[in-house]
């Protein structure tokens, strides 16, 4: 046992992440041609006609404390009739990453940034994603603006999209802003030091609440899952910290959903085909119905997002401590989304989880290639120029983005297990409360509640299904293979 512990304690997680990227078909390193392109980047802000100058607005961003690849900024103002005009600025990545350039080809290969917990493999070189195309504080940056007028009932008028020159006045972080908005802490210094920003954030929160309440009335699903992030010091895992949802995270989530819904509708209205994000009705709806019945709740026999949304809202209020476990079960049973070509006026399945028919990804072009594709379509439409991609090309790109996203999820899941295995290696024989997160002929998987790590049940798994609560004993933790093995104890 001591020899195994020693190997785990000194396991090189960064090297293993790099290896796993290659095994899954990613190129973790940028080419010499991409590096050469970086050295010759133009000053995009100095040569852009037909761009509004909105630098005097009190823009701000809210993201993870350590994030530098800032994709969005926000600004709100109150209009007559209690309308809130919400502007969401999205980094104009296309201005510095032309289609077919070496950096673009690398992005098309990987399709997304991959976050392994110990290393980030970015979609774009850091000279772009954390600098030139990032909406950094106190820097002039080009952005694509999605402008929404939100009424008192959360309704959104037809959106307006345009390009603008912006300047982020404050880079804010989720935790201090969320704690303040939730009444758990005083006004953060990052907000108080900027005159007018406190009122601005409060107005943004009001808009977000309107949007959220409207979405819930229409059947959007509200989840709350537990996510553990590793604390790594000198290549070794020293802790697993749990991220919880707060008002700041919910606010930005509502803004991004609204911007993505509006961007999709904008392109459809203009007759422009695009990539949209679809989530089909859950194939395992009967299991969701069964879980509801165990809680004394009733769902209809056929998939119904509004009924499920109402059940989730009720369970959050009735049993908030166990709501993350219920959320995790439903998320696992809903299955993943996918990118699809949506032609103007064409039929598609929509997004079950958000209860919307038209939805795309447009708000993270520094991190997702699909968003850059959509951004190019938006800009071409604004310029009344030819569409940047044919339908055949969009079909191929949608399939590629879906495949790479699934591969990235596998890399990230493997690394979560490898990281957790280094953290759990000295807990062999300990028992834990757990919830079943996967059950198929390929294996049965659980997530331990404390600490929130996942592994496979290799003994006593018979009869377990997604959503079941059980108790397990840790049998083995192998960071090199990303294995955490449990046995069911009752």
Foldseek 3Di string as FASTA:
>chain_A
DVVQLVCLQPPQLVVLLCVLCVVLQADLDADPQQVVLLVPFDQLVVDDPPAAAPAPFAWAAEEAPPDQLAFWIKFWDADPLRKIKIKIWGFQLCSGVPPPGSLNVNLLRQQFWFCQLVDIRWSGPCCQRRHQRGQDAADWGKTWMWIWTQHQQRDTDQIDIGIYIYHHNFYHYCPQVQCCVVVNDPRDPRQVVDPPSVVGVVSLLSSLVSNVVNLLQLQAADAWAWDWRFDADPSGTDDTDIDGDGSSNSSVVSVQFVSQQSLQVVCLVLQHKAKAKAFAQFPVVVVLQVLQVVVVHGDDPGGDRNSNSVSLVVCCVVPVVCRNLNRLLVVLRSDDIFIAIDGRVRADRAYSNSSDRTGHRQRNVRGGVSNSLSSQQVVCVVVVHDRPDDSVRNHVSRVSSRSSVVSSVVSNLLSLLLNVLSVCQVQAFDKAKWFWNDDDPVFTKIFGVVVGGIATEPAPCPPHDGGDIFMWGWHHRDSSRSHTYIHTDD
